[in-house]
Amino acid sequence: MTSRKILSVAICVIVSLVMLAIGTRYPHPHWMFATLHSLQLHAAVACSLSMLFALALHRNIVSLLLLAGSLALAGHAVIMGREYTGMAMENDANAPSFSLLSFNILKENEENGEAIARMIANSGADVVNIMEAEPLEAHLSLLGSSYPYHIGCGVLTAGCDQLMLSKTPLERGTIRSLSTLFSDRFILAETEIRGHKVNIAGIHTTKPYFDEFQTVELVQATLAMEKMQGPLVLSGDFNASSLAPNIRSFFTWTGLRTASYEPPTWPVSLGKFGLPIDHVYVRAPLKIRSISTLPSAYGSNHAGLMADLVISNQ
């Protein structure tokens, strides 16, 4: 067997194992492969490119079949990314709108705390959800000039991890723990924006490879949001893409919808090749007009998101 054939066979073996791990999502998704499920598009593209290289080394039917399978997984990832969308349409052009900023600023990011606080204060966002908010604790008075209402960092909790800021009063606010791993990482409140009552929620879920904890947290969040009537927006760091099986189940349970294109947010060093694990999800009659990353990550390993949302009457 030539060295080219040996290398081709080795690539085929590796790609087949990756595809098998991704494929577990279809009969019975398991948390052990949750990261690969979130990375389905990235992994399938990488497998496709690997198989093209393997075919260049040695042509055989197995390589062709693995290439076809990789392309099928990539294609299905694209299709799944467009299934649960809630984008504003042309007839929503005159609907009232508001903006939301969502950002995991990284708890060790103390040196950039003031810069982040100034950015938030000048952002113009109506509502802000911050994860790992400790660097902002010393700058709450600065934020208070633009956002006189907040939950977290001393309000309803002694800690400063999850933080919600608002230009308008936050009513019926609660902050709760969704699992035993992390405390106070889910905030619920309602406020009035442009004359409409809107439910606002901020979340930071556990990483998906910590057993079944993330799915448990999503179930708990679903039960909490069932009690909230009317338009709802949920944003935060989910540590998973919208392709993950449990996130897709979450859409079904809650009626939440996402953008037709979610910008990559992590890790920021990969830019457009990163993974969208920070999300803004909406429930009708809310729709998403646009969503984009902030110009700077301000020292965080996540990119922040700014979303323009509309309260549709359609």
C-alpha atoms as a PDB file:
ATOM      1  CA  MET A   1       0.000   0.000   0.000  1.00  0.00           C
ATOM      2  CA  THR A   2       1.460   3.357  -1.015  1.00  0.00           C
ATOM      3  CA  SER A   3       1.887   6.235   1.426  1.00  0.00           C
ATOM      4  CA  ARG A   4      -0.753   8.238  -0.478  1.00  0.00           C
ATOM      5  CA  LYS A   5      -3.283   5.428  -0.065  1.00  0.00           C
ATOM      6  CA  ILE A   6      -2.446   4.989   3.622  1.00  0.00           C
ATOM      7  CA  LEU A   7      -3.001   8.715   4.245  1.00  0.00           C
ATOM      8  CA  SER A   8      -6.273   8.616   2.295  1.00  0.00           C
ATOM      9  CA  VAL A   9      -7.531   5.668   4.345  1.00  0.00           C
ATOM     10  CA  ALA A  10      -6.552   7.411   7.595  1.00  0.00           C
ATOM     11  CA  ILE A  11      -8.520  10.516   6.576  1.00  0.00           C
ATOM     12  CA  CYS A  12     -11.526   8.357   5.709  1.00  0.00           C
ATOM     13  CA  VAL A  13     -11.437   6.695   9.129  1.00  0.00           C
ATOM     14  CA  ILE A  14     -11.247  10.027  10.975  1.00  0.00           C
ATOM     15  CA  VAL A  15     -14.011  11.612   8.878  1.00  0.00           C
ATOM     16  CA  SER A  16     -16.285   8.586   9.299  1.00  0.00           C
ATOM     17  CA  LEU A  17     -15.918   8.805  13.098  1.00  0.00           C
ATOM     18  CA  VAL A  18     -16.714  12.535  13.096  1.00  0.00           C
ATOM     19  CA  MET A  19     -19.727  11.962  10.856  1.00  0.00           C
ATOM     20  CA  LEU A  20     -20.925   9.132  13.104  1.00  0.00           C
ATOM     21  CA  ALA A  21     -20.698  11.417  16.149  1.00  0.00           C
ATOM     22  CA  ILE A  22     -22.657  14.159  14.352  1.00  0.00           C
ATOM     23  CA  GLY A  23     -25.175  11.614  13.108  1.00  0.00           C
ATOM     24  CA  THR A  24     -26.109  10.563  16.646  1.00  0.00           C
ATOM     25  CA  ARG A  25     -28.335  13.645  16.738  1.00  0.00           C
ATOM     26  CA  TYR A  26     -30.850  11.953  14.450  1.00  0.00           C
ATOM     27  CA  PRO A  27     -31.725   8.708  16.291  1.00  0.00           C
ATOM     28  CA  HIS A  28     -30.932   9.879  19.832  1.00  0.00           C
ATOM     29  CA  PRO A  29     -28.777  12.961  20.621  1.00  0.00           C
ATOM     30  CA  HIS A  30     -26.411  12.509  23.558  1.00  0.00           C
ATOM     31  CA  TRP A  31     -24.781  15.269  25.594  1.00  0.00           C
ATOM     32  CA  MET A  32     -21.334  13.711  25.016  1.00  0.00           C
ATOM     33  CA  PHE A  33     -21.548  14.839  21.360  1.00  0.00           C
ATOM     34  CA  ALA A  34     -23.404  18.097  22.022  1.00  0.00           C
ATOM     35  CA  THR A  35     -20.455  20.263  20.988  1.00  0.00           C
ATOM     36  CA  LEU A  36     -20.222  18.517  17.615  1.00  0.00           C
ATOM     37  CA  HIS A  37     -23.968  18.925  17.144  1.00  0.00           C
ATOM     38  CA  SER A  38     -23.561  22.686  17.629  1.00  0.00           C
ATOM     39  CA  LEU A  39     -20.636  22.591  15.211  1.00  0.00           C
ATOM     40  CA  GLN A  40     -22.462  20.540  12.582  1.00  0.00           C
ATOM     41  CA  LEU A  41     -22.009  23.061   9.765  1.00  0.00           C
ATOM     42  CA  HIS A  42     -18.361  23.768  10.607  1.00  0.00           C
ATOM     43  CA  ALA A  43     -17.530  20.082  11.099  1.00  0.00           C
ATOM     44  CA  ALA A  44     -19.366  18.953   7.959  1.00  0.00           C
ATOM     45  CA  VAL A  45     -17.567  21.544   5.822  1.00  0.00           C
ATOM     46  CA  ALA A  46     -14.237  20.434   7.310  1.00  0.00           C
ATOM     47  CA  CYS A  47     -15.124  16.797   6.572  1.00  0.00           C
ATOM     48  CA  SER A  48     -16.047  17.688   2.979  1.00  0.00           C
ATOM     49  CA  LEU A  49     -12.736  19.459   2.412  1.00  0.00           C
ATOM     50  CA  SER A  50     -10.884  16.543   4.010  1.00  0.00           C
ATOM     51  CA  MET A  51     -12.602  14.087   1.688  1.00  0.00           C
ATOM     52  CA  LEU A  52     -11.708  16.152  -1.363  1.00  0.00           C
ATOM     53  CA  PHE A  53      -8.091  15.916  -0.236  1.00  0.00           C
ATOM     54  CA  ALA A  54      -8.449  12.161   0.381  1.00  0.00           C
ATOM     55  CA  LEU A  55      -9.878  11.715  -3.120  1.00  0.00           C
ATOM     56  CA  ALA A  56      -6.958  13.631  -4.595  1.00  0.00           C
ATOM     57  CA  LEU A  57      -4.646  11.187  -2.845  1.00  0.00           C
ATOM     58  CA  HIS A  58      -6.531   8.031  -3.792  1.00  0.00           C
ATOM     59  CA  ARG A  59      -9.858   7.661  -5.572  1.00  0.00           C
ATOM     60  CA  ASN A  60     -12.250   5.037  -4.228  1.00  0.00           C
ATOM     61  CA  ILE A  61     -15.957   4.524  -3.635  1.00  0.00           C
ATOM     62  CA  VAL A  62     -15.681   4.919   0.157  1.00  0.00           C
ATOM     63  CA  SER A  63     -14.195   8.401  -0.183  1.00  0.00           C
ATOM     64  CA  LEU A  64     -16.954   9.385  -2.592  1.00  0.00           C
ATOM     65  CA  LEU A  65     -19.641   8.126  -0.217  1.00  0.00           C
ATOM     66  CA  LEU A  66     -18.083   9.976   2.726  1.00  0.00           C
ATOM     67  CA  LEU A  67     -17.892  13.148   0.643  1.00  0.00           C
ATOM     68  CA  ALA A  68     -21.573  12.820  -0.238  1.00  0.00           C
ATOM     69  CA  GLY A  69     -22.444  12.216   3.414  1.00  0.00           C
ATOM     70  CA  SER A  70     -20.429  15.253   4.539  1.00  0.00           C
ATOM     71  CA  LEU A  71     -22.160  17.472   1.993  1.00  0.00           C
ATOM     72  CA  ALA A  72     -25.552  16.139   3.115  1.00  0.00           C
ATOM     73  CA  LEU A  73     -24.777  16.999   6.763  1.00  0.00           C
ATOM     74  CA  ALA A  74     -23.645  20.483   5.753  1.00  0.00           C
ATOM     75  CA  GLY A  75     -26.743  20.998   3.627  1.00  0.00           C
ATOM     76  CA  HIS A  76     -29.050  19.895   6.420  1.00  0.00           C
ATOM     77  CA  ALA A  77     -27.298  22.279   8.825  1.00  0.00           C
ATOM     78  CA  VAL A  78     -28.076  25.156   6.446  1.00  0.00           C
ATOM     79  CA  ILE A  79     -31.716  24.043   6.183  1.00  0.00           C
ATOM     80  CA  MET A  80     -32.047  23.755   9.978  1.00  0.00           C
ATOM     81  CA  GLY A  81     -30.626  27.256  10.378  1.00  0.00           C
ATOM     82  CA  ARG A  82     -33.589  28.658   8.442  1.00  0.00           C
ATOM     83  CA  GLU A  83     -36.413  26.677  10.029  1.00  0.00           C
ATOM     84  CA  TYR A  84     -37.104  28.592  13.251  1.00  0.00           C
ATOM     85  CA  THR A  85     -36.819  32.191  12.094  1.00  0.00           C
ATOM     86  CA  GLY A  86     -38.827  35.254  13.019  1.00  0.00           C
ATOM     87  CA  MET A  87     -37.707  38.082  10.757  1.00  0.00           C
ATOM     88  CA  ALA A  88     -39.591  41.329  10.207  1.00  0.00           C
ATOM     89  CA  MET A  89     -41.219  41.731   6.800  1.00  0.00           C
ATOM     90  CA  GLU A  90     -41.928  44.717   4.581  1.00  0.00           C
ATOM     91  CA  ASN A  91     -45.347  45.193   6.165  1.00  0.00           C
ATOM     92  CA  ASP A  92     -43.602  45.664   9.531  1.00  0.00           C
ATOM     93  CA  ALA A  93     -41.790  48.780   8.309  1.00  0.00           C
ATOM     94  CA  ASN A  94     -43.922  51.140  10.408  1.00  0.00           C
ATOM     95  CA  ALA A  95     -44.258  48.867  13.436  1.00  0.00           C
ATOM     96  CA  PRO A  96     -42.872  50.211  16.736  1.00  0.00           C
ATOM     97  CA  SER A  97     -39.339  49.052  17.380  1.00  0.00           C
ATOM     98  CA  PHE A  98     -36.730  48.927  20.118  1.00  0.00           C
ATOM     99  CA  SER A  99     -33.123  47.860  20.461  1.00  0.00           C
ATOM    100  CA  LEU A 100     -31.511  45.316  22.755  1.00  0.00           C
ATOM    101  CA  LEU A 101     -27.855  44.813  23.595  1.00  0.00           C
ATOM    102  CA  SER A 102     -26.641  41.412  24.841  1.00  0.00           C
ATOM    103  CA  PHE A 103     -23.017  40.798  25.855  1.00  0.00           C
ATOM    104  CA  ASN A 104     -20.990  38.287  27.873  1.00  0.00           C
ATOM    105  CA  ILE A 105     -18.246  40.637  29.016  1.00  0.00           C
ATOM    106  CA  LEU A 106     -16.109  37.973  30.808  1.00  0.00           C
ATOM    107  CA  LYS A 107     -15.831  38.160  34.591  1.00  0.00           C
ATOM    108  CA  GLU A 108     -12.021  38.446  34.558  1.00  0.00           C
ATOM    109  CA  ASN A 109     -12.236  41.513  32.297  1.00  0.00           C
ATOM    110  CA  GLU A 110     -11.858  44.094  35.088  1.00  0.00           C
ATOM    111  CA  GLU A 111      -9.461  46.362  33.187  1.00  0.00           C
ATOM    112  CA  ASN A 112     -12.083  47.045  30.523  1.00  0.00           C
ATOM    113  CA  GLY A 113     -15.000  47.495  32.913  1.00  0.00           C
ATOM    114  CA  GLU A 114     -15.199  51.280  32.623  1.00  0.00           C
ATOM    115  CA  ALA A 115     -14.835  51.233  28.832  1.00  0.00           C
ATOM    116  CA  ILE A 116     -17.628  48.658  28.575  1.00  0.00           C
ATOM    117  CA  ALA A 117     -19.837  50.708  30.910  1.00  0.00           C
ATOM    118  CA  ARG A 118     -19.322  53.828  28.781  1.00  0.00           C
ATOM    119  CA  MET A 119     -20.046  51.872  25.606  1.00  0.00           C
ATOM    120  CA  ILE A 120     -23.295  50.539  27.080  1.00  0.00           C
ATOM    121  CA  ALA A 121     -24.334  53.969  28.369  1.00  0.00           C
ATOM    122  CA  ASN A 122     -23.820  55.460  24.887  1.00  0.00           C
ATOM    123  CA  SER A 123     -25.238  52.489  22.941  1.00  0.00           C
ATOM    124  CA  GLY A 124     -28.788  53.794  22.696  1.00  0.00           C
ATOM    125  CA  ALA A 125     -30.182  50.330  23.440  1.00  0.00           C
ATOM    126  CA  ASP A 126     -33.524  50.327  25.258  1.00  0.00           C
ATOM    127  CA  VAL A 127     -32.698  47.152  27.182  1.00  0.00           C
ATOM    128  CA  VAL A 128     -29.334  45.530  27.980  1.00  0.00           C
ATOM    129  CA  ASN A 129     -28.566  41.977  29.136  1.00  0.00           C
ATOM    130  CA  ILE A 130     -25.059  41.370  30.473  1.00  0.00           C
ATOM    131  CA  MET A 131     -23.499  38.058  31.429  1.00  0.00           C
ATOM    132  CA  GLU A 132     -20.549  37.733  33.843  1.00  0.00           C
ATOM    133  CA  ALA A 133     -21.159  41.348  34.843  1.00  0.00           C
ATOM    134  CA  GLU A 134     -18.634  41.625  37.691  1.00  0.00           C
ATOM    135  CA  PRO A 135     -16.438  44.163  35.820  1.00  0.00           C
ATOM    136  CA  LEU A 136     -19.405  46.575  35.782  1.00  0.00           C
ATOM    137  CA  GLU A 137     -20.084  46.455  39.515  1.00  0.00           C
ATOM    138  CA  ALA A 138     -17.859  49.463  40.205  1.00  0.00           C
ATOM    139  CA  HIS A 139     -19.480  51.453  37.378  1.00  0.00           C
ATOM    140  CA  LEU A 140     -23.192  51.097  38.134  1.00  0.00           C
ATOM    141  CA  SER A 141     -23.501  54.820  38.888  1.00  0.00           C
ATOM    142  CA  LEU A 142     -22.129  55.613  35.420  1.00  0.00           C
ATOM    143  CA  LEU A 143     -24.670  53.245  33.870  1.00  0.00           C
ATOM    144  CA  GLY A 144     -27.448  54.677  36.030  1.00  0.00           C
ATOM    145  CA  SER A 145     -27.475  57.944  34.123  1.00  0.00           C
ATOM    146  CA  SER A 146     -28.654  56.133  30.968  1.00  0.00           C
ATOM    147  CA  TYR A 147     -30.303  53.114  32.600  1.00  0.00           C
ATOM    148  CA  PRO A 148     -32.042  54.065  35.844  1.00  0.00           C
ATOM    149  CA  TYR A 149     -33.568  50.590  36.248  1.00  0.00           C
ATOM    150  CA  HIS A 150     -31.691  47.341  36.693  1.00  0.00           C
ATOM    151  CA  ILE A 151     -31.942  43.813  38.093  1.00  0.00           C
ATOM    152  CA  GLY A 152     -28.842  42.014  39.362  1.00  0.00           C
ATOM    153  CA  CYS A 153     -25.702  43.416  40.966  1.00  0.00           C
ATOM    154  CA  GLY A 154     -27.417  44.203  44.259  1.00  0.00           C
ATOM    155  CA  VAL A 155     -31.032  44.216  43.073  1.00  0.00           C
ATOM    156  CA  LEU A 156     -32.831  40.925  43.886  1.00  0.00           C
ATOM    157  CA  THR A 157     -29.421  39.272  44.320  1.00  0.00           C
ATOM    158  CA  ALA A 158     -26.248  40.059  46.234  1.00  0.00           C
ATOM    159  CA  GLY A 159     -24.002  38.813  43.412  1.00  0.00           C
ATOM    160  CA  CYS A 160     -23.080  40.521  40.153  1.00  0.00           C
ATOM    161  CA  ASP A 161     -23.185  37.853  37.467  1.00  0.00           C
ATOM    162  CA  GLN A 162     -26.357  38.280  35.404  1.00  0.00           C
ATOM    163  CA  LEU A 163     -27.436  41.906  34.900  1.00  0.00           C
ATOM    164  CA  MET A 164     -30.412  43.500  33.153  1.00  0.00           C
ATOM    165  CA  LEU A 165     -30.515  47.243  32.462  1.00  0.00           C
ATOM    166  CA  SER A 166     -33.456  49.236  31.154  1.00  0.00           C
ATOM    167  CA  LYS A 167     -34.412  52.792  30.284  1.00  0.00           C
ATOM    168  CA  THR A 168     -37.992  52.065  31.395  1.00  0.00           C
ATOM    169  CA  PRO A 169     -39.218  50.565  34.690  1.00  0.00           C
ATOM    170  CA  LEU A 170     -38.732  46.816  35.129  1.00  0.00           C
ATOM    171  CA  GLU A 171     -41.874  45.327  36.649  1.00  0.00           C
ATOM    172  CA  ARG A 172     -42.420  41.879  38.194  1.00  0.00           C
ATOM    173  CA  GLY A 173     -38.692  41.231  38.054  1.00  0.00           C
ATOM    174  CA  THR A 174     -37.291  37.921  39.221  1.00  0.00           C
ATOM    175  CA  ILE A 175     -33.851  36.351  39.140  1.00  0.00           C
ATOM    176  CA  ARG A 176     -33.428  32.635  39.607  1.00  0.00           C
ATOM    177  CA  SER A 177     -31.112  29.660  39.314  1.00  0.00           C
ATOM    178  CA  LEU A 178     -31.915  27.121  36.601  1.00  0.00           C
ATOM    179  CA  SER A 179     -29.699  24.340  37.955  1.00  0.00           C
ATOM    180  CA  THR A 180     -27.415  23.531  40.861  1.00  0.00           C
ATOM    181  CA  LEU A 181     -24.231  24.367  38.943  1.00  0.00           C
ATOM    182  CA  PHE A 182     -24.566  28.164  38.751  1.00  0.00           C
ATOM    183  CA  SER A 183     -26.749  30.574  40.684  1.00  0.00           C
ATOM    184  CA  ASP A 184     -28.882  33.505  39.522  1.00  0.00           C
ATOM    185  CA  ARG A 185     -28.266  33.211  35.798  1.00  0.00           C
ATOM    186  CA  PHE A 186     -31.821  33.779  34.603  1.00  0.00           C
ATOM    187  CA  ILE A 187     -33.632  37.129  34.829  1.00  0.00           C
ATOM    188  CA  LEU A 188     -37.266  37.756  33.924  1.00  0.00           C
ATOM    189  CA  ALA A 189     -39.046  41.095  33.902  1.00  0.00           C
ATOM    190  CA  GLU A 190     -41.600  43.093  31.971  1.00  0.00           C
ATOM    191  CA  THR A 191     -41.415  46.685  30.856  1.00  0.00           C
ATOM    192  CA  GLU A 192     -43.317  49.117  28.650  1.00  0.00           C
ATOM    193  CA  ILE A 193     -41.633  50.227  25.438  1.00  0.00           C
ATOM    194  CA  ARG A 194     -43.286  52.503  22.865  1.00  0.00           C
ATOM    195  CA  GLY A 195     -46.578  51.994  24.658  1.00  0.00           C
ATOM    196  CA  HIS A 196     -46.389  48.196  24.524  1.00  0.00           C
ATOM    197  CA  LYS A 197     -45.764  45.739  27.345  1.00  0.00           C
ATOM    198  CA  VAL A 198     -42.741  43.584  26.527  1.00  0.00           C
ATOM    199  CA  ASN A 199     -41.365  40.640  28.498  1.00  0.00           C
ATOM    200  CA  ILE A 200     -37.575  40.667  28.767  1.00  0.00           C
ATOM    201  CA  ALA A 201     -35.444  37.683  29.753  1.00  0.00           C
ATOM    202  CA  GLY A 202     -31.696  37.222  30.095  1.00  0.00           C
ATOM    203  CA  ILE A 203     -29.991  33.838  30.380  1.00  0.00           C
ATOM    204  CA  HIS A 204     -26.575  32.206  30.690  1.00  0.00           C
ATOM    205  CA  THR A 205     -26.726  28.435  30.358  1.00  0.00           C
ATOM    206  CA  THR A 206     -24.210  25.809  31.401  1.00  0.00           C
ATOM    207  CA  LYS A 207     -21.899  24.375  28.760  1.00  0.00           C
ATOM    208  CA  PRO A 208     -23.557  21.464  26.915  1.00  0.00           C
ATOM    209  CA  TYR A 209     -20.892  18.894  27.816  1.00  0.00           C
ATOM    210  CA  PHE A 210     -21.712  19.127  31.544  1.00  0.00           C
ATOM    211  CA  ASP A 211     -23.971  16.058  31.526  1.00  0.00           C
ATOM    212  CA  GLU A 212     -27.674  16.963  31.031  1.00  0.00           C
ATOM    213  CA  PHE A 213     -27.499  20.229  32.981  1.00  0.00           C
ATOM    214  CA  GLN A 214     -28.009  22.508  29.975  1.00  0.00           C
ATOM    215  CA  THR A 215     -31.152  20.685  28.882  1.00  0.00           C
ATOM    216  CA  VAL A 216     -32.492  20.813  32.451  1.00  0.00           C
ATOM    217  CA  GLU A 217     -31.862  24.576  32.464  1.00  0.00           C
ATOM    218  CA  LEU A 218     -33.707  25.015  29.172  1.00  0.00           C
ATOM    219  CA  VAL A 219     -36.672  23.077  30.554  1.00  0.00           C
ATOM    220  CA  GLN A 220     -36.713  25.264  33.684  1.00  0.00           C
ATOM    221  CA  ALA A 221     -36.529  28.427  31.566  1.00  0.00           C
ATOM    222  CA  THR A 222     -39.422  27.149  29.433  1.00  0.00           C
ATOM    223  CA  LEU A 223     -41.606  26.587  32.500  1.00  0.00           C
ATOM    224  CA  ALA A 224     -40.803  30.074  33.806  1.00  0.00           C
ATOM    225  CA  MET A 225     -41.577  31.799  30.499  1.00  0.00           C
ATOM    226  CA  GLU A 226     -44.877  29.942  30.027  1.00  0.00           C
ATOM    227  CA  LYS A 227     -46.355  32.211  32.681  1.00  0.00           C
ATOM    228  CA  MET A 228     -45.421  35.370  30.751  1.00  0.00           C
ATOM    229  CA  GLN A 229     -48.099  36.509  28.322  1.00  0.00           C
ATOM    230  CA  GLY A 230     -47.477  38.610  25.228  1.00  0.00           C
ATOM    231  CA  PRO A 231     -44.300  39.580  23.358  1.00  0.00           C
ATOM    232  CA  LEU A 232     -41.071  38.191  24.777  1.00  0.00           C
ATOM    233  CA  VAL A 233     -37.377  38.519  23.959  1.00  0.00           C
ATOM    234  CA  LEU A 234     -34.762  36.206  25.463  1.00  0.00           C
ATOM    235  CA  SER A 235     -31.075  36.902  24.997  1.00  0.00           C
ATOM    236  CA  GLY A 236     -27.822  35.650  26.415  1.00  0.00           C
ATOM    237  CA  ASP A 237     -24.960  33.197  26.240  1.00  0.00           C
ATOM    238  CA  PHE A 238     -26.301  29.700  25.524  1.00  0.00           C
ATOM    239  CA  ASN A 239     -22.885  28.051  25.026  1.00  0.00           C
ATOM    240  CA  ALA A 240     -24.449  26.292  22.022  1.00  0.00           C
ATOM    241  CA  SER A 241     -25.516  27.166  18.503  1.00  0.00           C
ATOM    242  CA  SER A 242     -29.133  27.112  17.374  1.00  0.00           C
ATOM    243  CA  LEU A 243     -28.341  23.838  15.563  1.00  0.00           C
ATOM    244  CA  ALA A 244     -28.024  21.939  18.842  1.00  0.00           C
ATOM    245  CA  PRO A 245     -30.876  19.407  19.282  1.00  0.00           C
ATOM    246  CA  ASN A 246     -31.856  20.702  22.724  1.00  0.00           C
ATOM    247  CA  ILE A 247     -31.957  24.309  21.471  1.00  0.00           C
ATOM    248  CA  ARG A 248     -34.210  23.217  18.613  1.00  0.00           C
ATOM    249  CA  SER A 249     -36.461  21.471  21.121  1.00  0.00           C
ATOM    250  CA  PHE A 250     -36.422  24.720  23.119  1.00  0.00           C
ATOM    251  CA  PHE A 251     -37.828  26.534  20.061  1.00  0.00           C
ATOM    252  CA  THR A 252     -40.653  24.002  19.891  1.00  0.00           C
ATOM    253  CA  TRP A 253     -41.444  24.223  23.599  1.00  0.00           C
ATOM    254  CA  THR A 254     -41.442  28.030  23.795  1.00  0.00           C
ATOM    255  CA  GLY A 255     -42.432  29.323  20.350  1.00  0.00           C
ATOM    256  CA  LEU A 256     -39.261  31.408  20.303  1.00  0.00           C
ATOM    257  CA  ARG A 257     -37.703  32.289  16.964  1.00  0.00           C
ATOM    258  CA  THR A 258     -34.291  33.450  15.832  1.00  0.00           C
ATOM    259  CA  ALA A 259     -32.684  35.461  13.042  1.00  0.00           C
ATOM    260  CA  SER A 260     -32.236  33.949   9.593  1.00  0.00           C
ATOM    261  CA  TYR A 261     -28.512  34.684  10.021  1.00  0.00           C
ATOM    262  CA  GLU A 262     -26.896  34.674  13.453  1.00  0.00           C
ATOM    263  CA  PRO A 263     -23.469  36.318  13.529  1.00  0.00           C
ATOM    264  CA  PRO A 264     -20.631  34.287  15.078  1.00  0.00           C
ATOM    265  CA  THR A 265     -19.788  35.434  18.606  1.00  0.00           C
ATOM    266  CA  TRP A 266     -17.203  32.983  19.980  1.00  0.00           C
ATOM    267  CA  PRO A 267     -14.292  32.857  20.029  1.00  0.00           C
ATOM    268  CA  VAL A 268     -13.773  36.406  18.817  1.00  0.00           C
ATOM    269  CA  SER A 269     -10.289  35.476  17.558  1.00  0.00           C
ATOM    270  CA  LEU A 270     -11.907  33.418  14.775  1.00  0.00           C
ATOM    271  CA  GLY A 271     -14.064  36.293  13.534  1.00  0.00           C
ATOM    272  CA  LYS A 272     -16.548  35.170  10.861  1.00  0.00           C
ATOM    273  CA  PHE A 273     -15.374  31.573  11.256  1.00  0.00           C
ATOM    274  CA  GLY A 274     -16.480  31.433  14.882  1.00  0.00           C
ATOM    275  CA  LEU A 275     -19.615  29.894  16.335  1.00  0.00           C
ATOM    276  CA  PRO A 276     -22.889  31.731  17.107  1.00  0.00           C
ATOM    277  CA  ILE A 277     -23.423  30.700  20.727  1.00  0.00           C
ATOM    278  CA  ASP A 278     -24.845  34.044  21.933  1.00  0.00           C
ATOM    279  CA  HIS A 279     -28.414  34.572  20.794  1.00  0.00           C
ATOM    280  CA  VAL A 280     -31.396  36.889  20.666  1.00  0.00           C
ATOM    281  CA  TYR A 281     -34.638  34.907  20.464  1.00  0.00           C
ATOM    282  CA  VAL A 282     -38.112  36.423  20.145  1.00  0.00           C
ATOM    283  CA  ARG A 283     -41.694  35.295  20.583  1.00  0.00           C
ATOM    284  CA  ALA A 284     -44.541  36.705  18.515  1.00  0.00           C
ATOM    285  CA  PRO A 285     -45.609  39.398  18.051  1.00  0.00           C
ATOM    286  CA  LEU A 286     -41.946  40.373  18.328  1.00  0.00           C
ATOM    287  CA  LYS A 287     -39.819  39.973  15.215  1.00  0.00           C
ATOM    288  CA  ILE A 288     -36.167  40.595  14.421  1.00  0.00           C
ATOM    289  CA  ARG A 289     -35.351  43.375  11.984  1.00  0.00           C
ATOM    290  CA  SER A 290     -31.589  43.011  12.261  1.00  0.00           C
ATOM    291  CA  ILE A 291     -28.877  41.654  14.504  1.00  0.00           C
ATOM    292  CA  SER A 292     -25.162  42.422  14.421  1.00  0.00           C
ATOM    293  CA  THR A 293     -22.043  42.139  16.553  1.00  0.00           C
ATOM    294  CA  LEU A 294     -20.587  45.111  18.388  1.00  0.00           C
ATOM    295  CA  PRO A 295     -17.568  46.767  16.719  1.00  0.00           C
ATOM    296  CA  SER A 296     -15.256  45.717  19.578  1.00  0.00           C
ATOM    297  CA  ALA A 297     -15.165  42.825  22.055  1.00  0.00           C
ATOM    298  CA  TYR A 298     -13.573  45.072  24.729  1.00  0.00           C
ATOM    299  CA  GLY A 299     -11.314  42.288  25.963  1.00  0.00           C
ATOM    300  CA  SER A 300     -14.014  39.621  26.159  1.00  0.00           C
ATOM    301  CA  ASN A 301     -13.762  36.281  24.379  1.00  0.00           C
ATOM    302  CA  HIS A 302     -17.355  36.793  23.194  1.00  0.00           C
ATOM    303  CA  ALA A 303     -18.679  39.334  20.720  1.00  0.00           C
ATOM    304  CA  GLY A 304     -21.612  41.386  21.946  1.00  0.00           C
ATOM    305  CA  LEU A 305     -24.867  41.581  19.995  1.00  0.00           C
ATOM    306  CA  MET A 306     -27.108  44.520  19.104  1.00  0.00           C
ATOM    307  CA  ALA A 307     -30.593  43.609  17.900  1.00  0.00           C
ATOM    308  CA  ASP A 308     -33.241  45.810  16.326  1.00  0.00           C
ATOM    309  CA  LEU A 309     -36.642  44.322  17.216  1.00  0.00           C
ATOM    310  CA  VAL A 310     -40.144  45.212  16.055  1.00  0.00           C
ATOM    311  CA  ILE A 311     -43.508  44.744  17.740  1.00  0.00           C
ATOM    312  CA  SER A 312     -45.429  43.435  14.781  1.00  0.00           C
ATOM    313  CA  ASN A 313     -49.196  43.643  14.370  1.00  0.00           C
ATOM    314  CA  GLN A 314     -49.144  40.901  11.719  1.00  0.00           C
END
